[in-house]
C-alpha atoms as a PDB file:
ATOM      1  CA  MET A   1      39.377  55.110 -13.773  1.00  0.00           C
ATOM      2  CA  ALA A   2      43.130  54.666 -14.269  1.00  0.00           C
ATOM      3  CA  LEU A   3      43.846  57.270 -11.597  1.00  0.00           C
ATOM      4  CA  ALA A   4      41.504  55.598  -9.116  1.00  0.00           C
ATOM      5  CA  LEU A   5      43.190  52.229  -9.700  1.00  0.00           C
ATOM      6  CA  ALA A   6      46.650  53.769  -9.405  1.00  0.00           C
ATOM      7  CA  GLN A   7      45.659  55.469  -6.150  1.00  0.00           C
ATOM      8  CA  GLU A   8      44.403  52.165  -4.756  1.00  0.00           C
ATOM      9  CA  ALA A   9      47.628  50.419  -5.757  1.00  0.00           C
ATOM     10  CA  VAL A  10      49.775  53.141  -4.173  1.00  0.00           C
ATOM     11  CA  ALA A  11      47.678  53.058  -0.992  1.00  0.00           C
ATOM     12  CA  ALA A  12      48.073  49.267  -0.853  1.00  0.00           C
ATOM     13  CA  GLY A  13      51.875  49.558  -0.965  1.00  0.00           C
ATOM     14  CA  ALA A  14      52.429  48.397  -4.529  1.00  0.00           C
ATOM     15  CA  LEU A  15      55.301  50.830  -5.060  1.00  0.00           C
ATOM     16  CA  LYS A  16      57.445  48.754  -2.707  1.00  0.00           C
ATOM     17  CA  GLN A  17      56.926  45.621  -4.800  1.00  0.00           C
ATOM     18  CA  LEU A  18      57.520  47.007  -8.298  1.00  0.00           C
ATOM     19  CA  THR A  19      60.604  47.676 -10.377  1.00  0.00           C
ATOM     20  CA  ALA A  20      61.541  51.269 -11.200  1.00  0.00           C
ATOM     21  CA  ASP A  21      60.004  51.011 -14.675  1.00  0.00           C
ATOM     22  CA  GLN A  22      56.805  49.517 -13.281  1.00  0.00           C
ATOM     23  CA  ARG A  23      56.547  52.286 -10.661  1.00  0.00           C
ATOM     24  CA  SER A  24      56.907  54.912 -13.376  1.00  0.00           C
ATOM     25  CA  PHE A  25      54.133  53.278 -15.387  1.00  0.00           C
ATOM     26  CA  LEU A  26      51.861  52.996 -12.337  1.00  0.00           C
ATOM     27  CA  LEU A  27      52.278  56.701 -11.601  1.00  0.00           C
ATOM     28  CA  LEU A  28      51.417  57.891 -15.128  1.00  0.00           C
ATOM     29  CA  PRO A  29      47.713  58.479 -14.369  1.00  0.00           C
ATOM     30  CA  TYR A  30      48.741  60.981 -11.697  1.00  0.00           C
ATOM     31  CA  MET A  31      50.534  63.069 -14.312  1.00  0.00           C
ATOM     32  CA  HIS A  32      47.601  62.921 -16.705  1.00  0.00           C
ATOM     33  CA  SER A  33      45.124  64.152 -14.135  1.00  0.00           C
ATOM     34  CA  GLU A  34      43.677  67.631 -14.558  1.00  0.00           C
ATOM     35  CA  SER A  35      43.762  68.237 -10.805  1.00  0.00           C
ATOM     36  CA  LYS A  36      46.449  70.509  -9.409  1.00  0.00           C
ATOM     37  CA  VAL A  37      46.253  68.620  -6.111  1.00  0.00           C
ATOM     38  CA  ILE A  38      46.949  65.321  -7.871  1.00  0.00           C
ATOM     39  CA  HIS A  39      49.860  66.887  -9.771  1.00  0.00           C
ATOM     40  CA  THR A  40      51.405  68.019  -6.490  1.00  0.00           C
ATOM     41  CA  LEU A  41      51.097  64.474  -5.168  1.00  0.00           C
ATOM     42  CA  ALA A  42      52.488  63.111  -8.445  1.00  0.00           C
ATOM     43  CA  GLU A  43      55.572  65.281  -8.092  1.00  0.00           C
ATOM     44  CA  GLN A  44      56.213  63.889  -4.626  1.00  0.00           C
ATOM     45  CA  LEU A  45      55.601  60.283  -5.713  1.00  0.00           C
ATOM     46  CA  TYR A  46      57.857  60.594  -8.763  1.00  0.00           C
ATOM     47  CA  ARG A  47      60.590  62.213  -6.696  1.00  0.00           C
ATOM     48  CA  GLU A  48      60.487  59.404  -4.141  1.00  0.00           C
ATOM     49  CA  HIS A  49      59.734  56.341  -6.277  1.00  0.00           C
ATOM     50  CA  ALA A  50      60.622  56.890  -9.929  1.00  0.00           C
ATOM     51  CA  PRO A  51      64.036  56.995 -11.592  1.00  0.00           C
ATOM     52  CA  ASP A  52      65.596  60.447 -11.858  1.00  0.00           C
ATOM     53  CA  SER A  53      65.231  60.302 -15.630  1.00  0.00           C
ATOM     54  CA  ASN A  54      61.437  60.238 -15.219  1.00  0.00           C
ATOM     55  CA  TYR A  55      61.257  63.044 -12.698  1.00  0.00           C
END
Protein backbone atom coordinates (compact mmCIF):
# COMPACT_ATOMS: atom_id res chain seq x y z
CA MET A 1 0.00 0.00 0.00
CA ALA A 2 2.84 2.42 0.80
CA LEU A 3 4.29 1.95 -2.68
CA ALA A 4 0.93 2.60 -4.34
CA LEU A 5 0.49 5.81 -2.33
CA ALA A 6 4.04 6.92 -3.09
CA GLN A 7 3.49 6.26 -6.80
CA GLU A 8 0.32 8.35 -6.74
CA ALA A 9 2.11 11.19 -4.97
CA VAL A 10 5.00 11.12 -7.45
CA ALA A 11 2.58 11.03 -10.39
CA ALA A 12 0.72 14.02 -8.92
CA GLY A 13 3.93 16.08 -8.78
CA ALA A 14 4.50 15.98 -5.04
CA LEU A 15 8.28 15.80 -5.44
CA LYS A 16 8.28 19.41 -6.62
CA GLN A 17 6.56 20.58 -3.44
CA LEU A 18 8.59 18.72 -0.82
CA THR A 19 11.88 19.37 0.93
CA ALA A 20 14.84 17.10 0.22
CA ASP A 21 14.25 15.11 3.41
CA GLN A 22 10.55 14.73 2.63
CA ARG A 23 11.34 13.53 -0.91
CA SER A 24 13.71 10.92 0.48
CA PHE A 25 11.03 9.68 2.86
CA LEU A 26 8.39 9.59 0.11
CA LEU A 27 10.66 7.47 -2.08
CA LEU A 28 11.43 4.85 0.59
CA PRO A 29 8.66 2.45 -0.50
CA TYR A 30 10.30 2.24 -3.93
CA MET A 31 13.48 0.92 -2.35
CA HIS A 32 11.60 -1.60 -0.24
CA SER A 33 9.76 -3.07 -3.19
CA GLU A 34 10.68 -6.57 -4.32
CA SER A 35 10.25 -5.62 -7.98
CA LYS A 36 13.36 -5.11 -10.07
CA VAL A 37 11.41 -2.71 -12.29
CA ILE A 38 10.48 -0.57 -9.29
CA HIS A 39 14.10 -0.59 -8.09
CA THR A 40 15.24 0.71 -11.47
CA LEU A 41 12.69 3.51 -11.21
CA ALA A 42 13.75 4.16 -7.61
CA GLU A 43 17.35 4.61 -8.70
CA GLN A 44 16.30 7.22 -11.24
CA LEU A 45 14.01 9.03 -8.78
CA TYR A 46 16.66 9.09 -6.04
CA ARG A 47 19.28 10.34 -8.47
CA GLU A 48 17.04 13.18 -9.63
CA HIS A 49 15.19 14.14 -6.44
CA ALA A 50 17.01 12.99 -3.32
CA PRO A 51 20.15 14.40 -1.70
CA ASP A 52 23.40 12.80 -2.84
CA SER A 53 23.87 11.34 0.63
CA ASN A 54 20.73 9.23 0.13
CA TYR A 55 21.62 8.02 -3.34
